[in-house]
Amino acid sequence: MSNNPDDLLYAPSHEWVRKLDENTVEVGISNYAQESLGDVVYVELPEVGSEVTAKEECCAVESVKAASDIYAPVSGEISEVNSELDDEPELLNESPYEKGWMFRIKASDLSELDGLLSAQTYNKQVEE
């Protein structure tokens, strides 16, 4: 079973979401996603200030095995990116829920969080 924190929400496309304040969320990829990708060698982050739409591609991750698109779990404006990933993309593998966060979104519609999965539901999805 994947080790997915209960206090996060998860997209079916394997991104996790942590609510930071009343309208900002932090996004990364799940432990399952990073294990499936293998050793991450490059992270293409979105531009700060760019607008993203829920369920649409906003950046990408490359590993020794494959490249994978990352989807915005909610709509809004990219308010910050984790620039440490430029020099240390392996943080996605080593610390997917802490140091490996990817970007933060100033959400335009927090009701979109209602469409995400709890850790328990996400765990069931990835176990199938």
N, C-alpha and C. Protein backbone atom coordinates (compact mmCIF):
# COMPACT_ATOMS: atom_id res chain seq x y z
N MET A 1 0.84 -1.18 0.00
CA MET A 1 0.00 0.00 0.00
C MET A 1 0.89 1.24 0.00
N SER A 2 0.47 2.25 -0.75
CA SER A 2 1.22 3.50 -0.82
C SER A 2 1.06 4.27 0.49
N ASN A 3 2.10 5.00 0.82
CA ASN A 3 2.09 5.80 2.04
C ASN A 3 1.60 7.21 1.70
N ASN A 4 0.30 7.43 1.79
CA ASN A 4 -0.30 8.71 1.44
C ASN A 4 -0.90 9.37 2.67
N PRO A 5 -0.41 10.57 3.02
CA PRO A 5 -0.92 11.25 4.21
C PRO A 5 -2.43 11.49 4.16
N ASP A 6 -3.08 11.27 5.28
CA ASP A 6 -4.53 11.41 5.38
C ASP A 6 -5.01 12.86 5.30
N ASP A 7 -4.12 13.82 5.57
CA ASP A 7 -4.54 15.22 5.60
C ASP A 7 -4.50 15.89 4.22
N LEU A 8 -4.17 15.12 3.18
CA LEU A 8 -4.12 15.66 1.83
C LEU A 8 -5.29 15.16 1.00
N LEU A 9 -5.54 15.85 -0.10
CA LEU A 9 -6.51 15.39 -1.09
C LEU A 9 -5.72 14.93 -2.31
N TYR A 10 -6.33 14.07 -3.12
CA TYR A 10 -5.62 13.47 -4.25
C TYR A 10 -6.47 13.53 -5.51
N ALA A 11 -5.80 13.79 -6.63
CA ALA A 11 -6.47 13.75 -7.93
C ALA A 11 -6.32 12.33 -8.49
N PRO A 12 -7.28 11.88 -9.27
CA PRO A 12 -7.14 10.55 -9.90
C PRO A 12 -5.89 10.44 -10.76
N SER A 13 -5.36 11.59 -11.21
CA SER A 13 -4.14 11.61 -12.03
C SER A 13 -2.86 11.63 -11.19
N HIS A 14 -2.99 11.41 -9.86
CA HIS A 14 -1.88 11.18 -8.92
C HIS A 14 -1.19 12.43 -8.38
N GLU A 15 -1.82 13.60 -8.50
CA GLU A 15 -1.31 14.78 -7.82
C GLU A 15 -1.95 14.85 -6.43
N TRP A 16 -1.20 15.39 -5.47
CA TRP A 16 -1.77 15.63 -4.14
C TRP A 16 -1.95 17.13 -3.94
N VAL A 17 -2.85 17.48 -3.02
CA VAL A 17 -3.17 18.88 -2.75
C VAL A 17 -3.19 19.10 -1.23
N ARG A 18 -2.49 20.13 -0.79
CA ARG A 18 -2.51 20.54 0.62
C ARG A 18 -3.03 21.97 0.66
N LYS A 19 -4.09 22.20 1.41
CA LYS A 19 -4.63 23.55 1.55
C LYS A 19 -3.74 24.30 2.53
N LEU A 20 -3.17 25.44 2.10
CA LEU A 20 -2.25 26.22 2.95
C LEU A 20 -2.97 27.34 3.69
N ASP A 21 -3.91 28.00 3.02
CA ASP A 21 -4.70 29.04 3.66
C ASP A 21 -6.04 29.10 2.96
N GLU A 22 -6.78 30.15 3.16
CA GLU A 22 -8.16 30.16 2.66
C GLU A 22 -8.27 30.10 1.14
N ASN A 23 -7.21 30.44 0.39
CA ASN A 23 -7.33 30.31 -1.07
C ASN A 23 -6.07 29.80 -1.76
N THR A 24 -5.08 29.32 -1.02
CA THR A 24 -3.84 28.82 -1.63
C THR A 24 -3.68 27.34 -1.34
N VAL A 25 -3.34 26.59 -2.39
CA VAL A 25 -3.06 25.16 -2.24
C VAL A 25 -1.66 24.86 -2.77
N GLU A 26 -1.06 23.85 -2.18
CA GLU A 26 0.25 23.36 -2.59
C GLU A 26 0.03 22.03 -3.31
N VAL A 27 0.81 21.78 -4.36
CA VAL A 27 0.60 20.60 -5.20
C VAL A 27 1.90 19.86 -5.39
N GLY A 28 1.80 18.53 -5.39
CA GLY A 28 2.94 17.67 -5.71
C GLY A 28 2.42 16.39 -6.31
N ILE A 29 3.31 15.41 -6.49
CA ILE A 29 2.86 14.11 -6.98
C ILE A 29 2.93 13.09 -5.85
N SER A 30 2.04 12.13 -5.92
CA SER A 30 1.92 11.15 -4.84
C SER A 30 3.11 10.19 -4.81
N ASN A 31 3.24 9.51 -3.69
CA ASN A 31 4.26 8.49 -3.54
C ASN A 31 4.10 7.42 -4.62
N TYR A 32 2.87 7.03 -4.89
CA TYR A 32 2.59 6.05 -5.95
C TYR A 32 3.13 6.55 -7.29
N ALA A 33 2.87 7.83 -7.61
CA ALA A 33 3.33 8.40 -8.88
C ALA A 33 4.84 8.40 -8.98
N GLN A 34 5.52 8.84 -7.92
CA GLN A 34 6.98 8.90 -8.01
C GLN A 34 7.59 7.50 -8.08
N GLU A 35 6.97 6.51 -7.39
CA GLU A 35 7.47 5.14 -7.47
C GLU A 35 7.26 4.58 -8.89
N SER A 36 6.13 4.91 -9.50
CA SER A 36 5.84 4.45 -10.86
C SER A 36 6.80 5.06 -11.88
N LEU A 37 7.14 6.32 -11.67
CA LEU A 37 8.05 7.01 -12.59
C LEU A 37 9.48 6.50 -12.47
N GLY A 38 9.91 6.15 -11.27
CA GLY A 38 11.31 5.82 -11.05
C GLY A 38 12.10 7.09 -10.77
N ASP A 39 13.40 7.04 -10.98
CA ASP A 39 14.27 8.17 -10.64
C ASP A 39 13.96 9.39 -11.50
N VAL A 40 13.50 10.45 -10.86
CA VAL A 40 13.17 11.69 -11.56
C VAL A 40 14.47 12.43 -11.89
N VAL A 41 14.59 12.85 -13.17
CA VAL A 41 15.82 13.52 -13.61
C VAL A 41 15.58 14.97 -14.03
N TYR A 42 14.32 15.35 -14.27
CA TYR A 42 14.02 16.72 -14.70
C TYR A 42 12.58 17.06 -14.36
N VAL A 43 12.38 18.30 -13.90
CA VAL A 43 11.03 18.79 -13.61
C VAL A 43 10.83 20.09 -14.37
N GLU A 44 9.79 20.14 -15.18
CA GLU A 44 9.41 21.37 -15.89
C GLU A 44 8.28 21.99 -15.08
N LEU A 45 8.57 23.09 -14.40
CA LEU A 45 7.58 23.74 -13.55
C LEU A 45 6.79 24.79 -14.33
N PRO A 46 5.59 25.09 -13.88
CA PRO A 46 4.81 26.15 -14.55
C PRO A 46 5.41 27.52 -14.23
N GLU A 47 5.03 28.51 -15.01
CA GLU A 47 5.49 29.89 -14.80
C GLU A 47 4.69 30.54 -13.68
N VAL A 48 5.38 31.22 -12.75
CA VAL A 48 4.68 31.99 -11.72
C VAL A 48 3.86 33.06 -12.42
N GLY A 49 2.62 33.21 -12.02
CA GLY A 49 1.73 34.18 -12.62
C GLY A 49 0.85 33.61 -13.71
N SER A 50 1.17 32.39 -14.18
CA SER A 50 0.35 31.80 -15.23
C SER A 50 -0.96 31.27 -14.65
N GLU A 51 -1.98 31.27 -15.49
CA GLU A 51 -3.29 30.76 -15.10
C GLU A 51 -3.37 29.29 -15.47
N VAL A 52 -3.90 28.48 -14.57
CA VAL A 52 -4.09 27.05 -14.84
C VAL A 52 -5.56 26.71 -14.66
N THR A 53 -5.98 25.66 -15.35
CA THR A 53 -7.36 25.20 -15.28
C THR A 53 -7.37 23.78 -14.73
N ALA A 54 -8.28 23.50 -13.82
CA ALA A 54 -8.38 22.18 -13.21
C ALA A 54 -8.44 21.10 -14.28
N LYS A 55 -7.71 20.03 -14.04
CA LYS A 55 -7.66 18.84 -14.88
C LYS A 55 -6.94 19.06 -16.21
N GLU A 56 -6.26 20.20 -16.36
CA GLU A 56 -5.48 20.43 -17.57
C GLU A 56 -3.99 20.39 -17.24
N GLU A 57 -3.20 19.96 -18.22
CA GLU A 57 -1.75 19.87 -18.06
C GLU A 57 -1.16 21.23 -17.73
N CYS A 58 -0.25 21.26 -16.75
CA CYS A 58 0.38 22.53 -16.42
C CYS A 58 1.90 22.44 -16.31
N CYS A 59 2.44 21.24 -16.25
CA CYS A 59 3.89 21.06 -16.24
C CYS A 59 4.19 19.58 -16.48
N ALA A 60 5.47 19.20 -16.36
CA ALA A 60 5.84 17.82 -16.66
C ALA A 60 7.01 17.37 -15.78
N VAL A 61 7.13 16.05 -15.67
CA VAL A 61 8.21 15.42 -14.93
C VAL A 61 8.84 14.37 -15.85
N GLU A 62 10.16 14.32 -15.88
CA GLU A 62 10.85 13.29 -16.65
C GLU A 62 11.66 12.42 -15.71
N SER A 63 11.60 11.12 -15.98
CA SER A 63 12.38 10.17 -15.18
C SER A 63 13.20 9.31 -16.12
N VAL A 64 13.99 8.42 -15.54
CA VAL A 64 14.77 7.51 -16.37
C VAL A 64 13.85 6.57 -17.16
N LYS A 65 12.63 6.37 -16.69
CA LYS A 65 11.68 5.48 -17.35
C LYS A 65 10.78 6.19 -18.36
N ALA A 66 10.29 7.38 -18.03
CA ALA A 66 9.24 8.00 -18.83
C ALA A 66 9.12 9.48 -18.52
N ALA A 67 8.33 10.15 -19.35
CA ALA A 67 7.93 11.54 -19.07
C ALA A 67 6.45 11.50 -18.72
N SER A 68 6.04 12.37 -17.82
CA SER A 68 4.64 12.37 -17.39
C SER A 68 4.16 13.80 -17.23
N ASP A 69 2.96 14.06 -17.77
CA ASP A 69 2.35 15.37 -17.60
C ASP A 69 1.78 15.47 -16.19
N ILE A 70 1.83 16.68 -15.65
CA ILE A 70 1.25 16.97 -14.34
C ILE A 70 0.07 17.89 -14.57
N TYR A 71 -1.04 17.57 -13.94
CA TYR A 71 -2.28 18.30 -14.15
C TYR A 71 -2.61 19.18 -12.94
N ALA A 72 -3.17 20.34 -13.21
CA ALA A 72 -3.60 21.23 -12.14
C ALA A 72 -4.83 20.62 -11.48
N PRO A 73 -4.82 20.42 -10.17
CA PRO A 73 -5.98 19.85 -9.49
C PRO A 73 -7.11 20.87 -9.29
N VAL A 74 -6.76 22.16 -9.31
CA VAL A 74 -7.75 23.24 -9.19
C VAL A 74 -7.35 24.36 -10.14
N SER A 75 -8.30 25.20 -10.47
CA SER A 75 -8.04 26.35 -11.33
C SER A 75 -7.53 27.53 -10.51
N GLY A 76 -6.72 28.36 -11.14
CA GLY A 76 -6.23 29.56 -10.47
C GLY A 76 -4.93 30.04 -11.06
N GLU A 77 -4.20 30.82 -10.27
CA GLU A 77 -2.94 31.41 -10.70
C GLU A 77 -1.78 30.75 -9.95
N ILE A 78 -0.73 30.40 -10.68
CA ILE A 78 0.47 29.86 -10.04
C ILE A 78 1.11 30.99 -9.23
N SER A 79 1.17 30.81 -7.92
CA SER A 79 1.70 31.86 -7.05
C SER A 79 3.15 31.62 -6.65
N GLU A 80 3.60 30.36 -6.75
CA GLU A 80 4.97 30.04 -6.35
C GLU A 80 5.32 28.68 -6.93
N VAL A 81 6.60 28.47 -7.25
CA VAL A 81 7.09 27.16 -7.66
C VAL A 81 8.26 26.78 -6.76
N ASN A 82 8.50 25.49 -6.66
CA ASN A 82 9.60 24.99 -5.85
C ASN A 82 10.86 24.96 -6.71
N SER A 83 11.59 26.06 -6.73
CA SER A 83 12.77 26.17 -7.60
C SER A 83 13.90 25.23 -7.19
N GLU A 84 13.83 24.65 -5.99
CA GLU A 84 14.84 23.66 -5.59
C GLU A 84 14.82 22.46 -6.52
N LEU A 85 13.66 22.19 -7.14
CA LEU A 85 13.55 21.05 -8.04
C LEU A 85 14.36 21.23 -9.32
N ASP A 86 14.73 22.48 -9.65
CA ASP A 86 15.57 22.72 -10.83
C ASP A 86 16.92 22.02 -10.67
N ASP A 87 17.50 22.12 -9.49
CA ASP A 87 18.80 21.53 -9.23
C ASP A 87 18.72 20.16 -8.57
N GLU A 88 17.58 19.88 -7.92
CA GLU A 88 17.42 18.61 -7.20
C GLU A 88 16.08 17.95 -7.54
N PRO A 89 15.90 17.52 -8.80
CA PRO A 89 14.63 16.88 -9.16
C PRO A 89 14.35 15.61 -8.37
N GLU A 90 15.41 15.02 -7.82
CA GLU A 90 15.25 13.80 -7.04
C GLU A 90 14.47 14.02 -5.74
N LEU A 91 14.24 15.28 -5.36
CA LEU A 91 13.41 15.55 -4.17
C LEU A 91 12.01 14.98 -4.35
N LEU A 92 11.54 14.87 -5.60
CA LEU A 92 10.23 14.25 -5.83
C LEU A 92 10.23 12.79 -5.38
N ASN A 93 11.35 12.12 -5.54
CA ASN A 93 11.46 10.73 -5.10
C ASN A 93 11.72 10.63 -3.60
N GLU A 94 12.60 11.48 -3.11
CA GLU A 94 13.06 11.38 -1.72
C GLU A 94 12.03 11.90 -0.72
N SER A 95 11.27 12.92 -1.09
CA SER A 95 10.36 13.56 -0.15
C SER A 95 9.14 14.11 -0.89
N PRO A 96 8.31 13.21 -1.47
CA PRO A 96 7.22 13.69 -2.32
C PRO A 96 6.20 14.57 -1.61
N TYR A 97 6.05 14.45 -0.30
CA TYR A 97 5.02 15.22 0.41
C TYR A 97 5.56 16.42 1.19
N GLU A 98 6.85 16.57 1.25
CA GLU A 98 7.43 17.68 2.01
C GLU A 98 8.32 18.53 1.10
N LYS A 99 9.57 18.15 0.94
CA LYS A 99 10.51 18.94 0.14
C LYS A 99 10.20 18.88 -1.35
N GLY A 100 9.47 17.87 -1.78
CA GLY A 100 9.19 17.67 -3.20
C GLY A 100 7.90 18.31 -3.70
N TRP A 101 7.33 19.24 -2.94
CA TRP A 101 6.15 19.93 -3.48
C TRP A 101 6.57 20.64 -4.76
N MET A 102 5.62 20.81 -5.69
CA MET A 102 5.98 21.35 -7.00
C MET A 102 5.60 22.81 -7.19
N PHE A 103 4.35 23.16 -6.90
CA PHE A 103 3.90 24.53 -7.10
C PHE A 103 2.73 24.84 -6.20
N ARG A 104 2.43 26.14 -6.09
CA ARG A 104 1.30 26.60 -5.29
C ARG A 104 0.36 27.38 -6.19
N ILE A 105 -0.92 27.18 -5.98
CA ILE A 105 -1.95 27.84 -6.77
C ILE A 105 -2.81 28.71 -5.87
N LYS A 106 -3.00 29.95 -6.29
CA LYS A 106 -4.01 30.81 -5.66
C LYS A 106 -5.31 30.43 -6.37
N ALA A 107 -6.10 29.61 -5.69
CA ALA A 107 -7.27 29.00 -6.31
C ALA A 107 -8.37 30.02 -6.59
N SER A 108 -8.99 29.90 -7.76
CA SER A 108 -10.09 30.78 -8.12
C SER A 108 -11.43 30.19 -7.71
N ASP A 109 -11.48 28.87 -7.47
CA ASP A 109 -12.73 28.22 -7.10
C ASP A 109 -12.44 27.03 -6.19
N LEU A 110 -12.44 27.27 -4.88
CA LEU A 110 -12.11 26.20 -3.94
C LEU A 110 -13.11 25.06 -3.93
N SER A 111 -14.28 25.26 -4.50
CA SER A 111 -15.25 24.16 -4.56
C SER A 111 -14.71 23.02 -5.44
N GLU A 112 -13.72 23.30 -6.28
CA GLU A 112 -13.11 22.24 -7.09
C GLU A 112 -12.42 21.20 -6.22
N LEU A 113 -12.05 21.57 -5.00
CA LEU A 113 -11.44 20.60 -4.08
C LEU A 113 -12.41 19.46 -3.75
N ASP A 114 -13.71 19.76 -3.83
CA ASP A 114 -14.72 18.74 -3.53
C ASP A 114 -14.66 17.56 -4.49
N GLY A 115 -14.08 17.76 -5.68
CA GLY A 115 -13.98 16.69 -6.66
C GLY A 115 -12.76 15.81 -6.49
N LEU A 116 -11.92 16.12 -5.51
CA LEU A 116 -10.71 15.33 -5.28
C LEU A 116 -10.99 14.18 -4.31
N LEU A 117 -10.05 13.26 -4.21
CA LEU A 117 -10.22 12.05 -3.43
C LEU A 117 -9.58 12.17 -2.04
N SER A 118 -10.18 11.51 -1.07
CA SER A 118 -9.55 11.38 0.24
C SER A 118 -8.39 10.39 0.11
N ALA A 119 -7.51 10.36 1.09
CA ALA A 119 -6.40 9.41 1.07
C ALA A 119 -6.93 7.98 1.01
N GLN A 120 -7.99 7.69 1.76
CA GLN A 120 -8.55 6.33 1.78
C GLN A 120 -9.07 5.93 0.40
N THR A 121 -9.79 6.83 -0.26
CA THR A 121 -10.33 6.53 -1.59
C THR A 121 -9.20 6.42 -2.61
N TYR A 122 -8.23 7.30 -2.51
CA TYR A 122 -7.08 7.26 -3.43
C TYR A 122 -6.31 5.95 -3.25
N ASN A 123 -6.08 5.54 -2.00
CA ASN A 123 -5.37 4.29 -1.75
C ASN A 123 -6.08 3.11 -2.42
N LYS A 124 -7.41 3.09 -2.33
CA LYS A 124 -8.17 2.02 -2.98
C LYS A 124 -7.97 2.05 -4.48
N GLN A 125 -7.93 3.26 -5.07
CA GLN A 125 -7.74 3.40 -6.52
C GLN A 125 -6.39 2.83 -6.95
N VAL A 126 -5.33 3.18 -6.23
CA VAL A 126 -4.00 2.74 -6.67
C VAL A 126 -3.72 1.28 -6.35
N GLU A 127 -4.49 0.68 -5.45
CA GLU A 127 -4.32 -0.73 -5.14
C GLU A 127 -4.99 -1.63 -6.18
N GLU A 128 -5.91 -1.08 -6.95
CA GLU A 128 -6.64 -1.90 -7.93
C GLU A 128 -5.78 -2.24 -9.13
